[in-house]
Protein backbone atom coordinates (compact mmCIF):
# COMPACT_ATOMS: atom_id res chain seq x y z
CA MET A 1 -0.55 0.04 0.33
CA SER A 2 1.28 3.40 -0.52
CA ALA A 3 2.47 5.76 2.10
CA GLN A 4 0.01 8.42 0.61
CA LYS A 5 -3.40 6.31 1.37
CA ASN A 6 -4.69 9.18 3.34
CA THR A 7 -3.82 11.80 1.18
CA PRO A 8 -6.67 12.83 -0.75
CA PRO A 9 -6.36 12.45 -5.00
CA SER A 10 -4.99 15.57 -6.22
CA ASN A 11 -6.21 17.04 -9.94
CA PRO A 12 -4.57 20.14 -11.75
CA ILE A 13 -7.43 22.53 -10.38
CA ASP A 14 -6.93 21.18 -7.17
CA ALA A 15 -3.35 21.58 -7.31
CA CYS A 16 -3.45 25.16 -8.66
CA VAL A 17 -6.18 25.96 -5.66
CA ARG A 18 -3.60 25.31 -3.05
CA GLU A 19 -0.68 26.19 -4.83
CA ASN A 20 -2.07 29.81 -4.90
CA LEU A 21 -3.38 29.81 -0.98
CA GLU A 22 0.13 29.14 0.03
CA ALA A 23 1.26 31.75 -2.20
CA PHE A 24 -1.57 33.60 -0.94
CA PHE A 25 -0.50 33.09 2.88
CA ARG A 26 3.19 33.84 2.12
CA ASP A 27 2.15 37.01 0.70
CA LEU A 28 0.70 38.16 4.04
CA ASP A 29 3.76 38.00 5.14
CA GLY A 30 2.04 37.18 9.02
CA GLN A 31 -0.90 39.47 8.52
CA GLU A 32 -4.18 37.49 9.26
CA PRO A 33 -6.68 37.10 6.67
CA HIS A 34 -10.06 38.46 6.29
CA SER A 35 -13.13 37.62 3.68
CA MET A 36 -11.11 34.71 2.62
CA HIS A 37 -14.45 33.09 0.91
CA ASP A 38 -15.77 35.67 -0.46
CA MET A 39 -12.55 37.12 -1.91
CA LEU A 40 -11.86 33.06 -3.13
CA VAL A 41 -15.69 33.08 -4.68
CA LYS A 42 -15.69 36.12 -6.36
CA LEU A 43 -12.04 34.80 -8.09
CA VAL A 44 -13.19 31.20 -9.40
CA GLU A 45 -16.73 32.66 -10.54
CA LYS A 46 -15.92 34.61 -13.07
CA PRO A 47 -13.56 32.36 -15.08
CA LEU A 48 -15.90 29.35 -14.65
CA PHE A 49 -18.81 31.76 -15.79
CA GLU A 50 -16.75 32.91 -19.10
CA ILE A 51 -15.77 29.72 -20.03
CA VAL A 52 -19.34 27.61 -19.09
CA MET A 53 -20.58 30.62 -21.13
CA ARG A 54 -18.50 30.34 -23.93
CA GLU A 55 -18.29 26.50 -24.00
CA ALA A 56 -22.81 26.84 -23.39
CA GLY A 57 -22.64 28.87 -26.86
CA GLY A 58 -24.17 31.72 -24.95
CA ASN A 59 -27.04 29.97 -24.26
CA GLN A 60 -28.18 30.56 -20.05
CA SER A 61 -30.06 27.85 -19.70
CA LYS A 62 -28.17 25.07 -20.79
CA ALA A 63 -25.06 27.20 -18.74
CA ALA A 64 -27.42 27.44 -15.72
CA GLN A 65 -28.06 23.29 -15.95
CA TRP A 66 -24.87 22.43 -16.34
CA LEU A 67 -23.64 24.61 -13.15
CA GLY A 68 -26.75 23.24 -11.26
CA MET A 69 -28.29 26.28 -10.51
CA ASN A 70 -31.26 28.35 -11.31
CA ARG A 71 -30.77 30.15 -14.73
CA ASN A 72 -32.31 33.58 -12.42
CA THR A 73 -29.09 32.81 -10.22
CA LEU A 74 -27.09 32.89 -12.84
CA ARG A 75 -28.21 35.91 -15.06
CA ARG A 76 -27.92 38.37 -10.92
CA LYS A 77 -23.74 36.38 -11.02
CA LEU A 78 -23.40 37.02 -14.65
CA THR A 79 -24.37 40.79 -13.48
CA ASP A 80 -22.66 40.98 -10.82
CA HIS A 81 -19.29 40.21 -12.65
CA ASN A 82 -19.67 42.37 -15.55
CA LEU A 83 -20.25 39.22 -17.78
């Protein structure tokens, strides 16, 4: 058995997020972060919506279905992100 059996499997997105969060904390240089959840959600949502909308050919109903959210919620979030 592998010595890493308790380590969750990594994937490219997971690795990217982890690497960037590590850098974020290094860059804080001892200062405490605040509102990280909101910051991270906003940073991830915009490219997610850009790419999903592109792949869905601009079809908001299809994109909302793919994202598992209500179309009105998607429309509000697209507006929030100026997309």
